Structure formats: C-alpha cells, structure tokens
Amino acid sequence: MSSATTGIILISIFFVLLILRTPISFSLSLATIITLIVSGFAPEMFADIMESAVTSTMLLAIPFFIIAGNVMDKSGISKRIVHFAELLIGDIPGGLGIISVIITVFWGAISGSGPATVVALGPVLIPLMVNGGYDVAFAAAIVAAGSGIAIIIPPSITFIVFGVVVDGTSVGKLFASGILPGIIMGLCFCVYVFIYSLKHGYRGKKRGTPKEIWKAFLGCFWGILSPVIILGGIYGGIFTPTEAASVAAVYSLILGLFVYKELKIKDIPKIMADSGSNTAMILLITAGAGVMSWLITTRGVATIVTELLLGISSNPMVIVLMMFVVLLIAGFFLDGISIVYLFCPLLVPAIKALNYDLTWFGVIMIMAIAIGMITPPVACNLYPAAQIANVPLHRISKEIVGLVIAGIAATLFVIFIPQIALLIPNALGL
C-alpha cells in the first residue's frame, strides 16, 4: 500500500468517526488500529506504541500542574486577585473586561489549561462583568478567549506535549518563548474589549485608593508569587519543568491549607479525583494520537506532505501562512493535544527544510490552537463558559468573532516578527 493511500485511509476513518460524534480519544485509536491492520502491521503493535507514547518523564508534569490549578481554584486566590486588579484598573472604558483578560492570562501561568482557567475564573469574572452592565454573552466570550492564552503563557500543558513530540525542542525554551506572544495576544484582546466597550458604554468601577490597592495586593501576594517561583526555578536552573510542576502542586497546597486557610483536608480527595480524571483524559488522547503520529511518520505520509508544501510556493512565508490556516481549520474540529500529535509529523519536516526555528513554529502552532479553543464546533473553552453564564452557545459564538480576529492578528505579529517569540529564550541563553 502506498504512503498516500495510507494517509487517505487514516484521515478518512478519523474524520468519519468524528462526524459520528465518537470521542476524539477513541476516534484516534480506532482509525489507527484499522489503518495498521489494512497496512499489514500486526495489531499487537498498537499497544506497544501506545505505551511508549505515554512513558516520557516530561508528561509527569501534566498531573502536577493540573493539581496546582485545582488547588489554587479552591483556595480563594482567584477572588483576591480579581479584587486587586479591579481596584488597580479603575473606571476606564472596558475596565472590567480588561481586568478579566489580565486575570485569565495570569491564571494561565498557574493552571496551564484553557478549560481549567474558564472553570476556575468564570464563576467570579462573568458575574462581575454582568453586574457592571456587560452583556452576559460578551462577558462569557471574554473569559473563554482570555483563558485560551493559558496554553501560551508558561507553564503550558500543550507546550509540554509539543516538546515530547518534536525532537530537538526544549520545554524550558518553549515556555520562555510563549511569554511575549501570550502577552501580545492578551493586549490584542484588551484593545478589542476597549473599543467594543467604548461603543456600548461599558466601564469599570471606581479606582481604589492607594491604601485599598496595597491592602488588596498583600491579600493576593502569595498567589501572585506562584508563577514567579515556578518560572524562576526553571530558568534559574534550580529544577526541571517536571520538578517545577511538583513544586507548584506542593506550594498551592501549602497556600490553601496554611496561608489562606480556605482549603480543607476534606476537599483534597475530590481535588485529586478531578485531577486524576483530567489527566487520564489527556493521556488517553496522547496515547492514541502517539500511535497515529508514529504511523504517519513510518509510512512516509509526512514526506509526501512536505514535498507538497514545498512545491506550492518559492516563498517560505507563504508556506508558513498556509500551515497557520490549516491549523486554524483543524481547531474547528480537534483539541490541542490531538492537533500537536497529528500535525507535527506532517508539518515539522517542512519547517526543518525551510530552516525555520522549531521553537518559533511551536509558538505559532500553540497560538493557533488557542484560537481553536474558541471556534465552534469543538471550542472547548466556549462550552464551560456558556454553561457558567447560562446562555446558548450561539450567542457566545456571535460575540467571539471579534476576539478570534484579535487572536489571529496577534499570531500574525509573531509569524512576521519571529523575534517576538525568540527574544526571551535568546536573552536567557536557551
């Protein structure tokens, strides 16, 4: 069987299963098993390759970052940080919306997960904006879009997966490369919220006095310190990203139990169960996607795609822009981890052939995935936001369009100015 035939069979079965509403993890596994058998491979290989896909020590960071985010959520830190930001921003147009974007970006530096950030902050931020006169659908859209930046700002679970899939990339360098692009996407969202709010008359609340701001800052100081400890430890060479995840989990438990004292011992079993469930879902997708990635590589499908891409244009930037469009379209149908496993083997060889930096491409891919988290029908950030706001998905989808455009604009900045992604890693000697 030719490489092209293998690729067509694999992708066709996969998307048919998705259309039939089969869960992504099962769609990946079933499509791969069927293609393995049709291609003449022994079906027992599936289990062996699946096991190897989830045995990377780097993946150990995922459950610990999830635990840290869940514990921080239960510790009342989000309310303290929101109160501090509200007093600091004041009554500028779109103030509450801008606060919401800033808080979701910051929270991403704790959780590393978009949906987890929506669930943690949505119940606090959406009512805050609604009480300030914002349309509930617009408020939910802001939280959903801002939470997508959680996978760009380090520590990012999706960056960890990219580092595992793509040989020659450092997770520490990927983390550093996501800082400025994440901030730029947040700024683009803030600009859109400001313009939208000017038109609709949305404003923040009265700015706090210096004494009130200082008191609020002290109230959330230890929570704000969390990402500083995590990232400072990684770039200071004190611990690896995997070790940083365990430090984050322990630090969050100490804050919740002994500093803020809002976390109770009886809450811990449920937090661990929820974290275990989320981790299992991610690793199940990782295992199935890992086998699909192996099949794409070994059957030469990636080579064919590389040749096609390089034959489209003599302008390398045109090829990169086409890749970005493909990733945006993939975001309509797939979750981030599946996109990384499915498209890295297809696109990375072309990036290498063009002599582009793999870290820079990783940032572009993750930014495209972040946009995909707010584009239906999959839109894994929109569903929890709609549920929290108690509004139909189609209402949020209308309000999200402007934020999607802002996210695309931010990504284009990074595509045309690679130094945005590479400045901090280069400054740190990574």
Protein backbone atom coordinates (compact mmCIF):
# COMPACT_ATOMS: atom_id res chain seq x y z
CA MET A 1 0.00 0.00 0.00
CA SER A 2 1.38 3.43 -0.94
CA SER A 3 2.05 6.20 1.59
CA ALA A 4 -0.66 8.38 0.03
CA THR A 5 -3.25 5.60 0.33
CA THR A 6 -2.30 5.03 3.97
CA GLY A 7 -2.73 8.71 4.73
CA ILE A 8 -6.10 8.91 2.96
CA ILE A 9 -7.44 5.84 4.80
CA LEU A 10 -6.20 7.07 8.17
CA ILE A 11 -7.57 10.61 7.89
CA SER A 12 -10.85 9.49 6.28
CA ILE A 13 -11.66 6.98 9.02
CA PHE A 14 -10.68 9.50 11.69
CA PHE A 15 -12.97 12.25 10.42
CA VAL A 16 -15.87 9.85 9.74
CA LEU A 17 -15.66 8.79 13.39
CA LEU A 18 -15.61 12.43 14.48
CA ILE A 19 -18.69 13.16 12.36
CA LEU A 20 -20.40 10.23 14.09
CA ARG A 21 -19.62 12.01 17.39
CA THR A 22 -17.17 9.37 18.57
CA PRO A 23 -14.95 10.77 21.36
CA ILE A 24 -11.64 12.04 20.00
CA SER A 25 -9.56 9.58 22.01
CA PHE A 26 -11.49 6.62 20.55
CA SER A 27 -11.53 8.14 17.06
CA LEU A 28 -7.75 8.38 17.11
CA SER A 29 -7.30 4.82 18.37
CA LEU A 30 -9.86 3.14 16.11
CA ALA A 31 -8.66 4.95 12.98
CA THR A 32 -5.08 3.96 13.73
CA ILE A 33 -5.85 0.29 14.55
CA ILE A 34 -7.86 -0.15 11.33
CA THR A 35 -5.13 1.51 9.25
CA LEU A 36 -2.43 -0.60 10.92
CA ILE A 37 -4.28 -3.79 10.03
CA VAL A 38 -5.02 -2.67 6.46
CA SER A 39 -1.34 -1.69 6.04
CA GLY A 40 -0.19 -5.14 7.08
CA PHE A 41 1.11 -4.34 10.56
CA ALA A 42 0.42 -6.69 13.45
CA PRO A 43 -2.39 -5.21 15.59
CA GLU A 44 -0.39 -6.04 18.74
CA MET A 45 1.94 -3.20 17.79
CA PHE A 46 -0.77 -0.73 18.79
CA ALA A 47 -0.42 -1.50 22.50
CA ASP A 48 3.38 -1.29 22.43
CA ILE A 49 3.45 2.05 20.61
CA MET A 50 0.64 3.41 22.79
CA GLU A 51 2.65 2.55 25.89
CA SER A 52 5.78 4.24 24.57
CA ALA A 53 3.76 7.37 23.72
CA VAL A 54 2.92 8.00 27.39
CA THR A 55 6.14 6.90 29.10
CA SER A 56 8.03 10.18 28.70
CA THR A 57 9.01 11.58 32.10
CA MET A 58 8.13 15.04 30.78
CA LEU A 59 4.45 14.04 30.78
CA LEU A 60 4.64 13.66 34.57
CA ALA A 61 4.40 17.44 34.73
CA ILE A 62 0.80 17.37 33.47
CA PRO A 63 -0.97 15.89 36.55
CA PHE A 64 1.02 18.11 38.93
CA PHE A 65 0.15 21.32 37.07
CA ILE A 66 -3.49 20.24 36.97
CA ILE A 67 -3.43 19.60 40.73
CA ALA A 68 -1.82 23.01 41.32
CA GLY A 69 -4.51 24.77 39.28
CA ASN A 70 -7.37 22.92 41.00
CA VAL A 71 -5.96 23.63 44.46
CA MET A 72 -5.45 27.32 43.66
CA ASP A 73 -9.07 27.46 42.50
CA LYS A 74 -10.33 26.05 45.79
CA SER A 75 -8.05 28.29 47.86
CA GLY A 76 -9.90 31.53 47.13
CA ILE A 77 -6.89 33.06 45.38
CA SER A 78 -8.85 33.97 42.24
CA LYS A 79 -11.23 36.23 44.18
CA ARG A 80 -8.34 38.04 45.85
CA ILE A 81 -6.51 38.63 42.57
CA VAL A 82 -9.69 39.86 40.86
CA HIS A 83 -10.34 42.31 43.71
CA PHE A 84 -6.78 43.66 43.48
CA ALA A 85 -6.97 44.11 39.69
CA GLU A 86 -10.39 45.76 39.94
CA LEU A 87 -9.08 48.40 42.36
CA LEU A 88 -5.98 48.93 40.24
CA ILE A 89 -7.61 49.35 36.78
CA GLY A 90 -10.39 51.72 37.79
CA ASP A 91 -13.25 53.02 35.63
CA ILE A 92 -11.64 53.16 32.18
CA PRO A 93 -13.87 52.00 29.27
CA GLY A 94 -13.97 48.22 29.27
CA GLY A 95 -12.18 48.18 32.61
CA LEU A 96 -13.88 45.04 33.92
CA GLY A 97 -13.35 43.23 30.61
CA ILE A 98 -9.69 44.24 30.53
CA ILE A 99 -9.33 43.03 34.13
CA SER A 100 -10.84 39.71 33.08
CA VAL A 101 -8.32 39.29 30.24
CA ILE A 102 -5.40 40.15 32.53
CA ILE A 103 -6.57 37.75 35.24
CA THR A 104 -7.10 34.88 32.79
CA VAL A 105 -3.60 35.43 31.38
CA PHE A 106 -2.14 35.42 34.88
CA TRP A 107 -4.13 32.35 35.89
CA GLY A 108 -2.78 30.57 32.84
CA ALA A 109 0.64 30.87 34.48
CA ILE A 110 -0.74 28.65 37.24
CA SER A 111 -3.01 26.12 35.53
CA GLY A 112 -1.54 25.70 32.01
CA SER A 113 -5.01 24.66 30.80
CA GLY A 114 -7.66 26.71 28.97
CA PRO A 115 -10.83 24.90 30.13
CA ALA A 116 -9.49 24.72 33.70
CA THR A 117 -8.99 28.50 33.66
CA VAL A 118 -12.57 29.04 32.42
CA VAL A 119 -13.95 26.82 35.19
CA ALA A 120 -11.79 28.48 37.86
CA LEU A 121 -12.42 32.12 36.90
CA GLY A 122 -15.75 32.08 35.04
CA PRO A 123 -17.92 31.96 38.20
CA VAL A 124 -16.06 35.03 39.51
CA LEU A 125 -15.44 37.15 36.40
CA ILE A 126 -18.66 36.66 34.43
CA PRO A 127 -20.99 37.84 37.27
CA LEU A 128 -18.54 40.70 37.95
CA MET A 129 -18.93 41.98 34.38
CA VAL A 130 -22.68 41.33 34.23
CA ASN A 131 -23.20 43.31 37.44
CA GLY A 132 -21.18 46.10 35.82
CA GLY A 133 -23.67 46.26 32.93
CA TYR A 134 -21.93 44.00 30.40
CA ASP A 135 -23.94 41.73 28.11
CA VAL A 136 -23.68 38.23 29.59
CA ALA A 137 -22.68 36.61 26.28
CA PHE A 138 -19.89 39.15 25.74
CA ALA A 139 -18.68 38.61 29.29
CA ALA A 140 -18.55 34.84 28.75
CA ALA A 141 -16.74 35.32 25.42
CA ILE A 142 -14.05 37.45 27.11
CA VAL A 143 -13.40 34.77 29.73
CA ALA A 144 -13.33 31.99 27.12
CA ALA A 145 -10.90 33.89 24.85
CA GLY A 146 -8.61 35.06 27.63
CA SER A 147 -8.45 31.55 29.08
CA GLY A 148 -7.09 30.24 25.77
CA ILE A 149 -3.88 32.18 26.47
CA ALA A 150 -3.29 29.72 29.33
CA ILE A 151 -1.72 27.31 26.82
CA ILE A 152 0.65 30.01 25.51
CA ILE A 153 1.79 31.55 28.80
CA PRO A 154 4.06 29.12 30.67
CA PRO A 155 3.67 26.63 32.19
CA SER A 156 1.62 25.20 29.33
CA ILE A 157 0.46 21.59 29.14
CA THR A 158 0.28 21.84 25.34
CA PHE A 159 3.87 23.09 25.15
CA ILE A 160 4.92 20.08 27.23
CA VAL A 161 3.25 17.77 24.71
CA PHE A 162 4.89 19.63 21.81
CA GLY A 163 8.28 19.20 23.49
CA VAL A 164 7.65 15.46 23.84
CA VAL A 165 6.52 15.04 20.21
CA VAL A 166 9.14 17.17 18.45
CA ASP A 167 12.71 16.02 18.94
CA GLY A 168 15.24 18.78 19.39
CA THR A 169 12.95 21.17 21.27
CA SER A 170 13.43 22.14 24.90
CA VAL A 171 10.33 22.55 27.07
CA GLY A 172 12.13 25.27 29.04
CA LYS A 173 12.84 27.18 25.83
CA LEU A 174 9.25 26.67 24.67
CA PHE A 175 7.98 28.05 27.98
CA ALA A 176 10.19 31.14 27.64
CA SER A 177 9.15 31.64 24.02
CA GLY A 178 5.47 31.76 24.97
CA ILE A 179 5.73 34.70 27.37
CA LEU A 180 5.79 37.65 24.92
CA PRO A 181 3.37 36.11 22.37
CA GLY A 182 0.92 35.36 25.20
CA ILE A 183 1.15 38.93 26.45
CA ILE A 184 0.69 40.29 22.91
CA MET A 185 -2.42 38.17 22.38
CA GLY A 186 -3.73 39.43 25.72
CA LEU A 187 -3.05 43.03 24.65
CA CYS A 188 -4.89 42.46 21.35
CA PHE A 189 -7.88 41.15 23.31
CA CYS A 190 -7.72 44.17 25.64
CA VAL A 191 -7.67 46.59 22.69
CA TYR A 192 -10.73 44.89 21.20
CA VAL A 193 -12.55 44.92 24.56
CA PHE A 194 -11.70 48.64 24.97
CA ILE A 195 -13.05 49.53 21.50
CA TYR A 196 -16.17 47.36 21.93
CA SER A 197 -16.82 48.87 25.39
CA LEU A 198 -16.49 52.44 24.10
CA LYS A 199 -19.28 51.68 21.65
CA HIS A 200 -21.53 50.03 24.25
CA GLY A 201 -20.72 52.23 27.24
CA TYR A 202 -19.14 49.54 29.41
CA ARG A 203 -16.88 50.93 32.16
CA GLY A 204 -15.04 49.63 35.18
CA LYS A 205 -15.63 50.55 38.80
CA LYS A 206 -14.06 53.42 40.72
CA ARG A 207 -10.31 53.14 41.16
CA GLY A 208 -9.22 52.19 44.68
CA THR A 209 -7.23 54.41 47.00
CA PRO A 210 -3.50 53.66 47.42
CA LYS A 211 -4.28 52.15 50.82
CA GLU A 212 -7.01 49.89 49.40
CA ILE A 213 -4.78 48.79 46.50
CA TRP A 214 -1.89 47.99 48.84
CA LYS A 215 -4.13 46.00 51.18
CA ALA A 216 -5.59 44.03 48.24
CA PHE A 217 -2.08 43.37 46.91
CA LEU A 218 -0.94 41.96 50.24
CA GLY A 219 -4.05 39.76 50.27
CA CYS A 220 -3.10 38.07 47.00
CA PHE A 221 0.70 38.38 47.18
CA TRP A 222 1.43 34.71 47.86
CA GLY A 223 -0.80 33.65 44.99
CA ILE A 224 0.91 36.09 42.61
CA LEU A 225 4.25 34.68 43.73
CA SER A 226 3.35 31.19 42.45
CA PRO A 227 4.30 31.64 38.75
CA VAL A 228 7.39 33.60 39.81
CA ILE A 229 8.60 30.61 41.84
CA ILE A 230 7.76 28.13 39.06
CA LEU A 231 9.38 30.03 36.19
CA GLY A 232 12.21 31.46 38.27
CA GLY A 233 13.12 27.96 39.40
CA ILE A 234 13.13 26.62 35.83
CA TYR A 235 15.19 29.43 34.29
CA GLY A 236 17.42 29.70 37.34
CA GLY A 237 18.42 26.07 36.84
CA ILE A 238 17.04 25.06 40.25
CA PHE A 239 14.66 22.46 38.86
CA THR A 240 13.38 21.00 35.59
CA PRO A 241 9.87 21.72 34.23
CA THR A 242 8.71 18.35 35.59
CA GLU A 243 10.11 19.12 39.02
CA ALA A 244 8.61 22.62 38.80
CA ALA A 245 5.17 21.04 38.39
CA SER A 246 5.53 19.09 41.63
CA VAL A 247 6.80 22.23 43.39
CA ALA A 248 3.73 24.11 42.11
CA ALA A 249 1.41 21.42 43.46
CA VAL A 250 3.04 21.40 46.91
CA TYR A 251 3.19 25.21 47.06
CA SER A 252 -0.50 25.52 46.18
CA LEU A 253 -1.42 23.02 48.90
CA ILE A 254 0.59 24.99 51.47
CA LEU A 255 -1.15 28.23 50.44
CA GLY A 256 -4.61 26.69 50.54
CA LEU A 257 -4.22 24.85 53.84
CA PHE A 258 -1.97 27.11 55.92
CA VAL A 259 -1.82 30.63 54.41
CA TYR A 260 -5.32 31.40 53.12
CA LYS A 261 -6.91 28.51 55.05
CA GLU A 262 -9.86 28.22 52.66
CA LEU A 263 -8.84 24.74 51.54
CA LYS A 264 -9.94 21.96 53.89
CA ILE A 265 -8.46 18.49 54.26
CA LYS A 266 -11.83 17.04 53.25
CA ASP A 267 -11.57 18.89 49.89
CA ILE A 268 -8.33 17.16 48.89
CA PRO A 269 -9.75 13.72 47.86
CA LYS A 270 -12.18 15.37 45.41
CA ILE A 271 -9.43 17.61 44.02
CA MET A 272 -7.19 14.59 43.48
CA ALA A 273 -10.03 12.63 41.86
CA ASP A 274 -10.87 15.51 39.49
CA SER A 275 -7.18 16.00 38.66
CA GLY A 276 -6.77 12.27 38.03
CA SER A 277 -9.79 12.24 35.73
CA ASN A 278 -8.49 15.21 33.72
CA THR A 279 -5.03 13.66 33.49
CA ALA A 280 -6.44 10.32 32.34
CA MET A 281 -8.41 12.04 29.58
CA ILE A 282 -5.29 13.88 28.36
CA LEU A 283 -3.11 10.76 28.46
CA LEU A 284 -5.74 8.67 26.68
CA ILE A 285 -5.73 11.18 23.82
CA THR A 286 -1.92 11.29 23.97
CA ALA A 287 -1.66 7.50 23.69
CA GLY A 288 -3.96 7.22 20.67
CA ALA A 289 -2.50 10.27 18.97
CA GLY A 290 1.01 8.98 19.58
CA VAL A 291 0.30 5.82 17.57
CA MET A 292 -1.25 7.87 14.77
CA SER A 293 1.84 10.10 14.75
CA TRP A 294 4.10 7.03 14.52
CA LEU A 295 2.08 5.63 11.61
CA ILE A 296 2.16 8.93 9.72
CA THR A 297 5.95 9.06 10.08
CA THR A 298 6.83 5.43 9.33
CA ARG A 299 4.54 5.14 6.30
CA GLY A 300 6.09 8.19 4.65
CA VAL A 301 2.94 10.31 4.77
CA ALA A 302 4.93 13.17 6.29
CA THR A 303 7.40 13.10 3.40
CA ILE A 304 4.60 13.45 0.85
CA VAL A 305 3.08 16.39 2.74
CA THR A 306 6.48 18.08 2.97
CA GLU A 307 7.03 17.77 -0.78
CA LEU A 308 3.54 19.14 -1.47
CA LEU A 309 4.06 22.13 0.80
CA LEU A 310 7.48 22.98 -0.60
CA GLY A 311 6.09 22.75 -4.12
CA ILE A 312 3.29 25.22 -3.52
CA SER A 313 5.41 28.36 -3.41
CA SER A 314 9.01 29.51 -3.52
CA ASN A 315 8.22 31.99 -0.74
CA PRO A 316 8.77 30.30 2.65
CA MET A 317 6.48 32.76 4.44
CA VAL A 318 3.57 31.81 2.15
CA ILE A 319 4.06 28.17 3.16
CA VAL A 320 4.09 29.10 6.87
CA LEU A 321 0.90 31.16 6.44
CA MET A 322 -0.76 28.19 4.73
CA MET A 323 0.25 26.00 7.67
CA PHE A 324 -1.30 28.55 10.03
CA VAL A 325 -4.58 28.45 8.09
CA VAL A 326 -4.56 24.64 8.19
CA LEU A 327 -4.02 24.72 11.98
CA LEU A 328 -6.85 27.24 12.39
CA ILE A 329 -9.19 24.96 10.43
CA ALA A 330 -8.04 21.97 12.50
CA GLY A 331 -9.01 23.92 15.61
CA PHE A 332 -12.65 23.81 14.49
CA PHE A 333 -12.68 20.03 14.90
CA LEU A 334 -9.83 18.89 17.18
CA ASP A 335 -8.48 19.52 20.66
CA GLY A 336 -4.97 20.91 21.13
CA ILE A 337 -3.15 17.71 22.03
CA SER A 338 -4.61 15.88 19.02
CA ILE A 339 -3.54 18.73 16.75
CA VAL A 340 0.03 18.58 18.07
CA TYR A 341 0.30 14.81 17.59
CA LEU A 342 -1.44 14.78 14.22
CA PHE A 343 0.13 17.81 12.54
CA CYS A 344 3.66 17.93 13.97
CA PRO A 345 4.79 14.86 11.98
CA LEU A 346 3.20 16.39 8.87
CA LEU A 347 4.45 19.97 9.17
CA VAL A 348 7.69 19.90 11.18
CA PRO A 349 9.74 18.25 8.36
CA ALA A 350 8.79 21.16 6.08
CA ILE A 351 9.75 23.67 8.79
CA LYS A 352 13.14 21.97 9.09
CA ALA A 353 13.57 22.01 5.31
CA LEU A 354 12.89 25.75 5.35
CA ASN A 355 15.49 26.20 8.14
CA TYR A 356 12.99 27.87 10.43
CA ASP A 357 13.31 27.69 14.22
CA LEU A 358 11.23 24.83 15.66
CA THR A 359 10.53 26.77 18.85
CA TRP A 360 9.10 29.67 16.82
CA PHE A 361 6.90 27.24 14.89
CA GLY A 362 5.81 25.66 18.18
CA VAL A 363 4.60 29.06 19.38
CA ILE A 364 2.66 29.62 16.14
CA MET A 365 1.05 26.19 16.45
CA ILE A 366 0.06 26.73 20.08
CA MET A 367 -1.33 30.20 19.31
CA ALA A 368 -3.43 28.68 16.51
CA ILE A 369 -4.65 26.03 18.96
CA ALA A 370 -5.55 28.76 21.48
CA ILE A 371 -7.74 30.38 18.81
CA GLY A 372 -9.24 26.98 18.04
CA MET A 373 -10.35 26.70 21.66
CA ILE A 374 -12.93 29.45 20.98
CA THR A 375 -14.05 28.44 17.48
CA PRO A 376 -17.07 26.07 17.28
CA PRO A 377 -17.96 23.28 16.92
CA VAL A 378 -15.30 21.86 19.29
CA ALA A 379 -14.49 25.13 21.14
CA CYS A 380 -13.53 23.53 24.44
CA ASN A 381 -13.42 26.93 26.18
CA LEU A 382 -16.82 28.13 24.96
CA TYR A 383 -18.85 25.22 26.36
CA PRO A 384 -17.95 25.70 30.05
CA ALA A 385 -18.24 29.49 29.63
CA ALA A 386 -21.74 29.09 28.15
CA GLN A 387 -22.73 26.77 30.99
CA ILE A 388 -21.43 29.13 33.68
CA ALA A 389 -23.11 32.14 32.06
CA ASN A 390 -26.29 30.13 31.37
CA VAL A 391 -26.55 31.36 27.78
CA PRO A 392 -26.87 29.42 24.49
CA LEU A 393 -23.65 28.64 22.64
CA HIS A 394 -24.78 30.52 19.51
CA ARG A 395 -24.97 33.80 21.47
CA ILE A 396 -21.40 33.49 22.69
CA SER A 397 -20.29 32.42 19.20
CA LYS A 398 -21.52 35.76 17.80
CA GLU A 399 -19.61 37.71 20.44
CA ILE A 400 -16.42 35.70 20.00
CA VAL A 401 -15.83 36.70 16.34
CA GLY A 402 -14.02 39.95 17.14
CA LEU A 403 -11.82 38.21 19.70
CA VAL A 404 -10.93 35.50 17.18
CA ILE A 405 -9.82 38.21 14.74
CA ALA A 406 -7.75 39.82 17.51
CA GLY A 407 -6.11 36.46 18.22
CA ILE A 408 -5.29 35.96 14.54
CA ALA A 409 -3.75 39.44 14.43
CA ALA A 410 -1.54 38.60 17.42
CA THR A 411 -0.37 35.38 15.74
CA LEU A 412 0.45 37.20 12.51
CA PHE A 413 2.69 39.55 14.52
CA VAL A 414 4.65 36.51 15.73
CA ILE A 415 4.77 34.96 12.26
CA PHE A 416 6.20 38.08 10.60
CA ILE A 417 8.39 39.10 13.57
CA PRO A 418 9.93 35.84 14.88
CA GLN A 419 11.98 37.75 17.48
CA ILE A 420 8.81 38.24 19.48
CA ALA A 421 8.93 34.54 20.31
CA LEU A 422 12.72 34.18 20.41
CA LEU A 423 13.73 37.34 22.32
CA ILE A 424 13.35 35.96 25.86
CA PRO A 425 14.83 32.49 25.14
CA ASN A 426 17.85 34.16 23.48
CA ALA A 427 18.23 36.59 26.39
CA LEU A 428 18.23 33.64 28.82
CA GLY A 429 20.79 31.76 26.73
CA LEU A 430 18.34 28.99 25.84
